[in-house]
Amino acid sequence: MKLRSVYLWVLAFVIVAFAAIYQRMTGPTYPVRGSIRIGDSVISFKLTTSTDAAGDEEVHLKVPDTKISGIVELRRYPSNDPWVRHDLERQGEDLIARIPHQAPAGKVTYRIQLRGGADSAWITSEPVVIRYKGKVPEFIMVPHIILMFLAMWFSTRAGFEGLFKRPHVAQQTLWTILALTLGGMVLGPLVQKLAFGVYWSGWPIGKDLTDNKTVAAWLVWLIALWRIRKRPDATWWAVAASVILFLVYMIPHSVLGSEIDYTKMPPPPM
């Protein structure tokens, strides 16, 4: 029994680790990567989609061929602003696009074109959106990330415990709720405040899916604990709550996150 428990803990960890990697790589804050050929040069790029820079964000492209130049076109997002065009700056082997700094939750959409001789091309098929955020200290962000990972790990393990009708469902349910409460319901709003200036931007105030999915999963687990305490044999509640939290967790982080609505503001110089 003890050996089987170890296997279940390891399996739960592997599942959550893969889910975390998938969520990170499919979310809107993951950098846009690729490469493009201009003349005889193949240029790889990584375009920033999220930043806590105190000033303008610099997007660097390594382009050793000095015959290649480029432009960046940008505007606030969402907005009715016209596209504004700037030449890329050259510093040694790098071409640099500067993205104007915004207040926390402000977004800018941008696209970069490279030119070399008779060749010219936009390096991405669609413009890229970058969101500015405030700096969150590591002593807050690191515990938040660790506790949210632990919540998913405990949740998945509790689901296995319930599925196989093992004896520690209530205990592991309690661990899940504790980690989710501290990581999501306590540190989560603090991270949101430091990054975007508000403690809460989910329903009914806004549409932030990160806020909404966290509180939804937390409530489901509270209901599961209540039902399991009333009926210890009702272990399917842990299974259901575990599946729900997993599905909720797979929604990419920051989808429909905090953003400034620039459509209600006049266009600034950029």
C-alpha atoms as a PDB file:
ATOM      1  CA  MET A   1       0.000   0.000   0.000  1.00  0.00           C
ATOM      2  CA  LYS A   2       2.811   2.422   0.899  1.00  0.00           C
ATOM      3  CA  LEU A   3       4.687   1.645  -2.321  1.00  0.00           C
ATOM      4  CA  ARG A   4       1.520   2.169  -4.376  1.00  0.00           C
ATOM      5  CA  SER A   5       1.041   5.534  -2.659  1.00  0.00           C
ATOM      6  CA  VAL A   6       4.537   6.604  -3.750  1.00  0.00           C
ATOM      7  CA  TYR A   7       3.720   5.614  -7.335  1.00  0.00           C
ATOM      8  CA  LEU A   8       0.544   7.697  -7.235  1.00  0.00           C
ATOM      9  CA  TRP A   9       2.433  10.731  -5.897  1.00  0.00           C
ATOM     10  CA  VAL A  10       5.018  10.403  -8.692  1.00  0.00           C
ATOM     11  CA  LEU A  11       2.343   9.943 -11.358  1.00  0.00           C
ATOM     12  CA  ALA A  12       0.456  12.992 -10.071  1.00  0.00           C
ATOM     13  CA  PHE A  13       3.666  15.042 -10.146  1.00  0.00           C
ATOM     14  CA  VAL A  14       4.439  14.038 -13.740  1.00  0.00           C
ATOM     15  CA  ILE A  15       0.905  14.898 -14.893  1.00  0.00           C
ATOM     16  CA  VAL A  16       0.995  18.316 -13.223  1.00  0.00           C
ATOM     17  CA  ALA A  17       4.508  19.086 -14.522  1.00  0.00           C
ATOM     18  CA  PHE A  18       3.454  18.373 -18.113  1.00  0.00           C
ATOM     19  CA  ALA A  19       0.269  20.400 -17.626  1.00  0.00           C
ATOM     20  CA  ALA A  20       2.290  23.347 -16.268  1.00  0.00           C
ATOM     21  CA  ILE A  21       4.634  23.249 -19.266  1.00  0.00           C
ATOM     22  CA  TYR A  22       1.693  23.055 -21.684  1.00  0.00           C
ATOM     23  CA  GLN A  23      -0.092  25.935 -19.985  1.00  0.00           C
ATOM     24  CA  ARG A  24       3.026  28.079 -20.046  1.00  0.00           C
ATOM     25  CA  MET A  25       3.799  27.401 -23.713  1.00  0.00           C
ATOM     26  CA  THR A  26       0.237  27.989 -24.956  1.00  0.00           C
ATOM     27  CA  GLY A  27      -0.511  31.106 -22.907  1.00  0.00           C
ATOM     28  CA  PRO A  28      -0.593  34.657 -24.286  1.00  0.00           C
ATOM     29  CA  THR A  29       2.487  35.687 -22.276  1.00  0.00           C
ATOM     30  CA  TYR A  30       4.765  33.103 -23.934  1.00  0.00           C
ATOM     31  CA  PRO A  31       7.277  34.759 -26.311  1.00  0.00           C
ATOM     32  CA  VAL A  32       6.647  34.426 -30.046  1.00  0.00           C
ATOM     33  CA  ARG A  33       9.593  32.600 -31.620  1.00  0.00           C
ATOM     34  CA  GLY A  34      10.535  31.859 -35.206  1.00  0.00           C
ATOM     35  CA  SER A  35      12.960  32.571 -37.995  1.00  0.00           C
ATOM     36  CA  ILE A  36      12.906  34.273 -41.379  1.00  0.00           C
ATOM     37  CA  ARG A  37      15.227  34.424 -44.383  1.00  0.00           C
ATOM     38  CA  ILE A  38      16.252  37.827 -45.760  1.00  0.00           C
ATOM     39  CA  GLY A  39      18.631  37.499 -48.685  1.00  0.00           C
ATOM     40  CA  ASP A  40      21.351  35.069 -47.624  1.00  0.00           C
ATOM     41  CA  SER A  41      20.682  35.523 -43.889  1.00  0.00           C
ATOM     42  CA  VAL A  42      18.436  33.380 -41.700  1.00  0.00           C
ATOM     43  CA  ILE A  43      17.358  35.470 -38.721  1.00  0.00           C
ATOM     44  CA  SER A  44      15.913  33.891 -35.580  1.00  0.00           C
ATOM     45  CA  PHE A  45      13.742  35.966 -33.305  1.00  0.00           C
ATOM     46  CA  LYS A  46      12.004  35.958 -29.932  1.00  0.00           C
ATOM     47  CA  LEU A  47       9.319  38.612 -29.543  1.00  0.00           C
ATOM     48  CA  THR A  48       8.309  39.696 -26.052  1.00  0.00           C
ATOM     49  CA  THR A  49       4.624  39.461 -25.086  1.00  0.00           C
ATOM     50  CA  SER A  50       4.834  40.420 -21.398  1.00  0.00           C
ATOM     51  CA  THR A  51       7.165  42.752 -19.535  1.00  0.00           C
ATOM     52  CA  ASP A  52       7.650  44.468 -16.192  1.00  0.00           C
ATOM     53  CA  ALA A  53      10.296  46.830 -17.574  1.00  0.00           C
ATOM     54  CA  ALA A  54      10.362  50.213 -15.867  1.00  0.00           C
ATOM     55  CA  GLY A  55      10.861  51.959 -19.220  1.00  0.00           C
ATOM     56  CA  ASP A  56      10.372  51.128 -22.886  1.00  0.00           C
ATOM     57  CA  GLU A  57      10.709  47.450 -23.762  1.00  0.00           C
ATOM     58  CA  GLU A  58      13.531  46.661 -26.177  1.00  0.00           C
ATOM     59  CA  VAL A  59      13.064  43.791 -28.630  1.00  0.00           C
ATOM     60  CA  HIS A  60      16.463  42.675 -29.958  1.00  0.00           C
ATOM     61  CA  LEU A  61      17.030  40.874 -33.245  1.00  0.00           C
ATOM     62  CA  LYS A  62      20.537  39.569 -33.928  1.00  0.00           C
ATOM     63  CA  VAL A  63      21.255  40.640 -37.513  1.00  0.00           C
ATOM     64  CA  PRO A  64      25.015  40.714 -38.210  1.00  0.00           C
ATOM     65  CA  ASP A  65      24.512  41.744 -41.861  1.00  0.00           C
ATOM     66  CA  THR A  66      24.587  45.534 -41.739  1.00  0.00           C
ATOM     67  CA  LYS A  67      22.892  45.721 -45.155  1.00  0.00           C
ATOM     68  CA  ILE A  68      19.686  44.556 -43.459  1.00  0.00           C
ATOM     69  CA  SER A  69      17.533  47.195 -41.777  1.00  0.00           C
ATOM     70  CA  GLY A  70      13.949  47.282 -40.641  1.00  0.00           C
ATOM     71  CA  ILE A  71      10.944  49.070 -39.224  1.00  0.00           C
ATOM     72  CA  VAL A  72       8.494  48.510 -36.406  1.00  0.00           C
ATOM     73  CA  GLU A  73       4.842  49.507 -36.620  1.00  0.00           C
ATOM     74  CA  LEU A  74       2.872  49.775 -33.406  1.00  0.00           C
ATOM     75  CA  ARG A  75      -0.221  51.070 -31.686  1.00  0.00           C
ATOM     76  CA  ARG A  76      -1.938  50.645 -28.324  1.00  0.00           C
ATOM     77  CA  TYR A  77      -4.243  47.672 -27.912  1.00  0.00           C
ATOM     78  CA  PRO A  78      -7.219  47.684 -27.988  1.00  0.00           C
ATOM     79  CA  SER A  79      -7.506  51.131 -29.516  1.00  0.00           C
ATOM     80  CA  ASN A  80      -8.538  53.182 -32.523  1.00  0.00           C
ATOM     81  CA  ASP A  81      -5.018  54.575 -32.829  1.00  0.00           C
ATOM     82  CA  PRO A  82      -3.370  54.732 -36.255  1.00  0.00           C
ATOM     83  CA  TRP A  83      -0.279  52.590 -36.809  1.00  0.00           C
ATOM     84  CA  VAL A  84       2.926  54.483 -36.003  1.00  0.00           C
ATOM     85  CA  ARG A  85       6.151  53.523 -37.774  1.00  0.00           C
ATOM     86  CA  HIS A  86       9.725  53.753 -36.475  1.00  0.00           C
ATOM     87  CA  ASP A  87      13.031  52.588 -37.902  1.00  0.00           C
ATOM     88  CA  LEU A  88      14.789  49.823 -36.034  1.00  0.00           C
ATOM     89  CA  GLU A  89      17.907  51.005 -34.214  1.00  0.00           C
ATOM     90  CA  ARG A  90      21.191  49.259 -34.905  1.00  0.00           C
ATOM     91  CA  GLN A  91      23.612  48.540 -32.072  1.00  0.00           C
ATOM     92  CA  GLY A  92      26.471  46.373 -33.304  1.00  0.00           C
ATOM     93  CA  GLU A  93      24.955  43.106 -34.546  1.00  0.00           C
ATOM     94  CA  ASP A  94      21.511  43.877 -33.117  1.00  0.00           C
ATOM     95  CA  LEU A  95      18.491  45.608 -34.593  1.00  0.00           C
ATOM     96  CA  ILE A  96      16.291  46.983 -31.807  1.00  0.00           C
ATOM     97  CA  ALA A  97      12.588  47.788 -31.743  1.00  0.00           C
ATOM     98  CA  ARG A  98      11.498  49.995 -28.860  1.00  0.00           C
ATOM     99  CA  ILE A  99       7.987  49.437 -27.525  1.00  0.00           C
ATOM    100  CA  PRO A 100       6.697  52.527 -25.641  1.00  0.00           C
ATOM    101  CA  HIS A 101       6.157  51.993 -21.930  1.00  0.00           C
ATOM    102  CA  GLN A 102       2.554  51.737 -20.706  1.00  0.00           C
ATOM    103  CA  ALA A 103       0.875  51.788 -17.310  1.00  0.00           C
ATOM    104  CA  PRO A 104       0.290  48.357 -15.724  1.00  0.00           C
ATOM    105  CA  ALA A 105      -2.261  46.373 -17.795  1.00  0.00           C
ATOM    106  CA  GLY A 106      -1.563  48.585 -20.826  1.00  0.00           C
ATOM    107  CA  LYS A 107      -0.944  46.723 -24.083  1.00  0.00           C
ATOM    108  CA  VAL A 108       0.766  47.560 -27.358  1.00  0.00           C
ATOM    109  CA  THR A 109       0.472  45.568 -30.573  1.00  0.00           C
ATOM    110  CA  TYR A 110       3.483  45.625 -32.880  1.00  0.00           C
ATOM    111  CA  ARG A 111       4.867  44.112 -36.063  1.00  0.00           C
ATOM    112  CA  ILE A 112       8.405  44.153 -37.431  1.00  0.00           C
ATOM    113  CA  GLN A 113       9.506  44.250 -41.058  1.00  0.00           C
ATOM    114  CA  LEU A 114      13.070  43.489 -42.168  1.00  0.00           C
ATOM    115  CA  ARG A 115      14.566  44.768 -45.394  1.00  0.00           C
ATOM    116  CA  GLY A 116      17.685  43.644 -47.226  1.00  0.00           C
ATOM    117  CA  GLY A 117      18.321  44.682 -50.806  1.00  0.00           C
ATOM    118  CA  ALA A 118      15.285  43.673 -52.851  1.00  0.00           C
ATOM    119  CA  ASP A 119      13.945  41.483 -50.021  1.00  0.00           C
ATOM    120  CA  SER A 120      11.516  42.673 -47.389  1.00  0.00           C
ATOM    121  CA  ALA A 121       9.146  40.734 -45.151  1.00  0.00           C
ATOM    122  CA  TRP A 122       7.123  40.991 -41.964  1.00  0.00           C
ATOM    123  CA  ILE A 123       8.668  38.496 -39.571  1.00  0.00           C
ATOM    124  CA  THR A 124       5.279  37.361 -38.198  1.00  0.00           C
ATOM    125  CA  SER A 125       2.022  36.788 -40.067  1.00  0.00           C
ATOM    126  CA  GLU A 126       0.051  38.669 -37.410  1.00  0.00           C
ATOM    127  CA  PRO A 127       0.991  41.554 -35.076  1.00  0.00           C
ATOM    128  CA  VAL A 128       2.218  40.597 -31.609  1.00  0.00           C
ATOM    129  CA  VAL A 129       0.626  41.978 -28.434  1.00  0.00           C
ATOM    130  CA  ILE A 130       2.767  42.883 -25.434  1.00  0.00           C
ATOM    131  CA  ARG A 131       1.305  43.663 -22.001  1.00  0.00           C
ATOM    132  CA  TYR A 132       3.037  45.810 -19.408  1.00  0.00           C
ATOM    133  CA  LYS A 133       2.806  44.940 -15.734  1.00  0.00           C
ATOM    134  CA  GLY A 134       4.196  46.118 -12.447  1.00  0.00           C
ATOM    135  CA  LYS A 135       7.152  44.434 -10.801  1.00  0.00           C
ATOM    136  CA  VAL A 136       6.138  41.684  -8.362  1.00  0.00           C
ATOM    137  CA  PRO A 137       8.839  40.949  -5.740  1.00  0.00           C
ATOM    138  CA  GLU A 138      10.224  37.413  -5.818  1.00  0.00           C
ATOM    139  CA  PHE A 139       9.357  36.860  -2.144  1.00  0.00           C
ATOM    140  CA  ILE A 140       5.702  37.098  -3.195  1.00  0.00           C
ATOM    141  CA  MET A 141       5.800  35.608  -6.695  1.00  0.00           C
ATOM    142  CA  VAL A 142       7.875  32.524  -5.838  1.00  0.00           C
ATOM    143  CA  PRO A 143       5.617  31.322  -2.964  1.00  0.00           C
ATOM    144  CA  HIS A 144       2.566  32.024  -5.162  1.00  0.00           C
ATOM    145  CA  ILE A 145       3.913  29.819  -7.966  1.00  0.00           C
ATOM    146  CA  ILE A 146       5.026  27.059  -5.579  1.00  0.00           C
ATOM    147  CA  LEU A 147       1.698  26.979  -3.732  1.00  0.00           C
ATOM    148  CA  MET A 148      -0.321  26.894  -6.958  1.00  0.00           C
ATOM    149  CA  PHE A 149       1.797  23.992  -8.202  1.00  0.00           C
ATOM    150  CA  LEU A 150       1.339  22.209  -4.870  1.00  0.00           C
ATOM    151  CA  ALA A 151      -2.410  22.795  -5.072  1.00  0.00           C
ATOM    152  CA  MET A 152      -2.498  21.075  -8.462  1.00  0.00           C
ATOM    153  CA  TRP A 153      -0.273  18.257  -7.225  1.00  0.00           C
ATOM    154  CA  PHE A 154      -2.349  17.649  -4.097  1.00  0.00           C
ATOM    155  CA  SER A 155      -5.542  17.918  -6.148  1.00  0.00           C
ATOM    156  CA  THR A 156      -4.410  15.318  -8.675  1.00  0.00           C
ATOM    157  CA  ARG A 157      -3.199  13.023  -5.903  1.00  0.00           C
ATOM    158  CA  ALA A 158      -6.498  13.432  -4.015  1.00  0.00           C
ATOM    159  CA  GLY A 159      -8.310  12.530  -7.232  1.00  0.00           C
ATOM    160  CA  PHE A 160      -6.358   9.280  -7.428  1.00  0.00           C
ATOM    161  CA  GLU A 161      -7.066   8.650  -3.749  1.00  0.00           C
ATOM    162  CA  GLY A 162     -10.772   9.040  -4.391  1.00  0.00           C
ATOM    163  CA  LEU A 163     -10.732   7.045  -7.612  1.00  0.00           C
ATOM    164  CA  PHE A 164      -9.200   4.018  -5.909  1.00  0.00           C
ATOM    165  CA  LYS A 165     -11.247   4.569  -2.711  1.00  0.00           C
ATOM    166  CA  ARG A 166      -8.164   4.826  -0.540  1.00  0.00           C
ATOM    167  CA  PRO A 167      -8.316   6.008   3.094  1.00  0.00           C
ATOM    168  CA  HIS A 168      -6.775   9.518   2.956  1.00  0.00           C
ATOM    169  CA  VAL A 169      -9.182  11.367   0.658  1.00  0.00           C
ATOM    170  CA  ALA A 170     -10.313  13.884   3.276  1.00  0.00           C
ATOM    171  CA  GLN A 171      -6.739  14.624   4.356  1.00  0.00           C
ATOM    172  CA  GLN A 172      -5.502  15.229   0.826  1.00  0.00           C
ATOM    173  CA  THR A 173      -8.597  17.294   0.053  1.00  0.00           C
ATOM    174  CA  LEU A 174      -7.712  19.500   3.010  1.00  0.00           C
ATOM    175  CA  TRP A 175      -4.128  19.890   1.769  1.00  0.00           C
ATOM    176  CA  THR A 176      -5.450  20.906  -1.650  1.00  0.00           C
ATOM    177  CA  ILE A 177      -7.723  23.543  -0.158  1.00  0.00           C
ATOM    178  CA  LEU A 178      -4.955  24.903   2.068  1.00  0.00           C
ATOM    179  CA  ALA A 179      -2.504  25.305  -0.833  1.00  0.00           C
ATOM    180  CA  LEU A 180      -5.205  26.767  -3.112  1.00  0.00           C
ATOM    181  CA  THR A 181      -6.326  29.193  -0.405  1.00  0.00           C
ATOM    182  CA  LEU A 182      -2.832  30.494   0.348  1.00  0.00           C
ATOM    183  CA  GLY A 183      -1.565  30.492  -3.232  1.00  0.00           C
ATOM    184  CA  GLY A 184      -4.683  31.519  -5.118  1.00  0.00           C
ATOM    185  CA  MET A 185      -6.994  33.337  -2.716  1.00  0.00           C
ATOM    186  CA  VAL A 186      -4.376  35.153  -0.584  1.00  0.00           C
ATOM    187  CA  LEU A 187      -1.237  35.620  -2.685  1.00  0.00           C
ATOM    188  CA  GLY A 188      -3.137  35.645  -6.005  1.00  0.00           C
ATOM    189  CA  PRO A 189      -4.922  38.972  -5.406  1.00  0.00           C
ATOM    190  CA  LEU A 190      -1.699  40.446  -3.999  1.00  0.00           C
ATOM    191  CA  VAL A 191       0.162  39.497  -7.177  1.00  0.00           C
ATOM    192  CA  GLN A 192      -2.697  40.961  -9.234  1.00  0.00           C
ATOM    193  CA  LYS A 193      -2.531  44.229  -7.276  1.00  0.00           C
ATOM    194  CA  LEU A 194       1.225  44.604  -7.662  1.00  0.00           C
ATOM    195  CA  ALA A 195       1.214  43.624 -11.339  1.00  0.00           C
ATOM    196  CA  PHE A 196      -1.928  45.379 -12.571  1.00  0.00           C
ATOM    197  CA  GLY A 197      -3.100  47.750  -9.848  1.00  0.00           C
ATOM    198  CA  VAL A 198      -6.245  45.881  -8.729  1.00  0.00           C
ATOM    199  CA  TYR A 199      -6.822  43.024  -6.303  1.00  0.00           C
ATOM    200  CA  TRP A 200      -9.594  41.484  -8.388  1.00  0.00           C
ATOM    201  CA  SER A 201     -10.566  41.784 -12.060  1.00  0.00           C
ATOM    202  CA  GLY A 202     -12.825  38.759 -12.430  1.00  0.00           C
ATOM    203  CA  TRP A 203     -16.607  38.517 -12.261  1.00  0.00           C
ATOM    204  CA  PRO A 204     -18.578  40.717 -11.659  1.00  0.00           C
ATOM    205  CA  ILE A 205     -16.013  43.529 -12.035  1.00  0.00           C
ATOM    206  CA  GLY A 206     -14.186  42.209 -15.093  1.00  0.00           C
ATOM    207  CA  LYS A 207     -13.590  39.121 -17.210  1.00  0.00           C
ATOM    208  CA  ASP A 208     -10.161  37.956 -16.052  1.00  0.00           C
ATOM    209  CA  LEU A 209     -10.252  34.159 -16.471  1.00  0.00           C
ATOM    210  CA  THR A 210      -7.341  33.652 -14.077  1.00  0.00           C
ATOM    211  CA  ASP A 211      -9.322  35.210 -11.223  1.00  0.00           C
ATOM    212  CA  ASN A 212     -12.557  33.480 -12.188  1.00  0.00           C
ATOM    213  CA  LYS A 213     -11.073  30.020 -12.621  1.00  0.00           C
ATOM    214  CA  THR A 214      -9.199  30.212  -9.306  1.00  0.00           C
ATOM    215  CA  VAL A 215     -12.249  31.067  -7.221  1.00  0.00           C
ATOM    216  CA  ALA A 216     -14.390  28.520  -9.116  1.00  0.00           C
ATOM    217  CA  ALA A 217     -11.934  25.706  -8.405  1.00  0.00           C
ATOM    218  CA  TRP A 218     -11.584  26.793  -4.766  1.00  0.00           C
ATOM    219  CA  LEU A 219     -15.369  26.685  -4.249  1.00  0.00           C
ATOM    220  CA  VAL A 220     -15.627  23.253  -5.887  1.00  0.00           C
ATOM    221  CA  TRP A 221     -12.995  21.881  -3.515  1.00  0.00           C
ATOM    222  CA  LEU A 222     -14.734  23.405  -0.488  1.00  0.00           C
ATOM    223  CA  ILE A 223     -17.947  21.655  -1.547  1.00  0.00           C
ATOM    224  CA  ALA A 224     -16.019  18.414  -2.034  1.00  0.00           C
ATOM    225  CA  LEU A 225     -14.559  18.621   1.480  1.00  0.00           C
ATOM    226  CA  TRP A 226     -17.993  19.296   2.965  1.00  0.00           C
ATOM    227  CA  ARG A 227     -19.538  16.310   1.160  1.00  0.00           C
ATOM    228  CA  ILE A 228     -16.679  13.949   2.023  1.00  0.00           C
ATOM    229  CA  ARG A 229     -16.821  14.948   5.695  1.00  0.00           C
ATOM    230  CA  LYS A 230     -20.545  14.189   5.724  1.00  0.00           C
ATOM    231  CA  ARG A 231     -20.148  10.934   3.804  1.00  0.00           C
ATOM    232  CA  PRO A 232     -16.609   9.498   3.861  1.00  0.00           C
ATOM    233  CA  ASP A 233     -17.555   6.986   1.171  1.00  0.00           C
ATOM    234  CA  ALA A 234     -18.464   9.784  -1.290  1.00  0.00           C
ATOM    235  CA  THR A 235     -14.936   9.809  -2.669  1.00  0.00           C
ATOM    236  CA  TRP A 236     -16.155  10.629  -6.180  1.00  0.00           C
ATOM    237  CA  TRP A 237     -16.416  14.251  -5.011  1.00  0.00           C
ATOM    238  CA  ALA A 238     -12.615  14.358  -4.821  1.00  0.00           C
ATOM    239  CA  VAL A 239     -12.362  12.787  -8.268  1.00  0.00           C
ATOM    240  CA  ALA A 240     -14.780  15.337  -9.739  1.00  0.00           C
ATOM    241  CA  ALA A 241     -13.083  18.300  -8.022  1.00  0.00           C
ATOM    242  CA  SER A 242      -9.690  17.078  -9.201  1.00  0.00           C
ATOM    243  CA  VAL A 243     -10.852  16.820 -12.816  1.00  0.00           C
ATOM    244  CA  ILE A 244     -12.479  20.256 -12.641  1.00  0.00           C
ATOM    245  CA  LEU A 245      -9.343  21.887 -11.217  1.00  0.00           C
ATOM    246  CA  PHE A 246      -7.218  20.187 -13.885  1.00  0.00           C
ATOM    247  CA  LEU A 247      -9.478  21.405 -16.698  1.00  0.00           C
ATOM    248  CA  VAL A 248      -9.573  24.888 -15.191  1.00  0.00           C
ATOM    249  CA  TYR A 249      -5.783  24.847 -14.838  1.00  0.00           C
ATOM    250  CA  MET A 250      -5.380  24.013 -18.532  1.00  0.00           C
ATOM    251  CA  ILE A 251      -6.941  27.356 -19.473  1.00  0.00           C
ATOM    252  CA  PRO A 252      -3.838  29.363 -20.430  1.00  0.00           C
ATOM    253  CA  HIS A 253      -2.729  31.839 -17.777  1.00  0.00           C
ATOM    254  CA  SER A 254      -3.635  35.506 -18.380  1.00  0.00           C
ATOM    255  CA  VAL A 255      -6.290  34.790 -21.026  1.00  0.00           C
ATOM    256  CA  LEU A 256      -8.753  37.709 -20.913  1.00  0.00           C
ATOM    257  CA  GLY A 257      -6.487  39.245 -18.292  1.00  0.00           C
ATOM    258  CA  SER A 258      -6.429  42.825 -17.053  1.00  0.00           C
ATOM    259  CA  GLU A 259      -6.114  45.410 -19.816  1.00  0.00           C
ATOM    260  CA  ILE A 260      -6.623  49.132 -20.283  1.00  0.00           C
ATOM    261  CA  ASP A 261      -9.356  49.992 -22.795  1.00  0.00           C
ATOM    262  CA  TYR A 262      -7.614  52.544 -25.003  1.00  0.00           C
ATOM    263  CA  THR A 263     -10.642  52.842 -27.297  1.00  0.00           C
ATOM    264  CA  LYS A 264     -11.993  55.345 -24.767  1.00  0.00           C
ATOM    265  CA  MET A 265      -8.834  57.489 -24.835  1.00  0.00           C
ATOM    266  CA  PRO A 266      -7.350  59.856 -27.428  1.00  0.00           C
ATOM    267  CA  PRO A 267      -4.277  58.575 -29.289  1.00  0.00           C
ATOM    268  CA  PRO A 268      -0.955  59.739 -27.799  1.00  0.00           C
ATOM    269  CA  PRO A 269       2.325  60.390 -29.651  1.00  0.00           C
ATOM    270  CA  MET A 270       4.212  57.098 -29.991  1.00  0.00           C
END
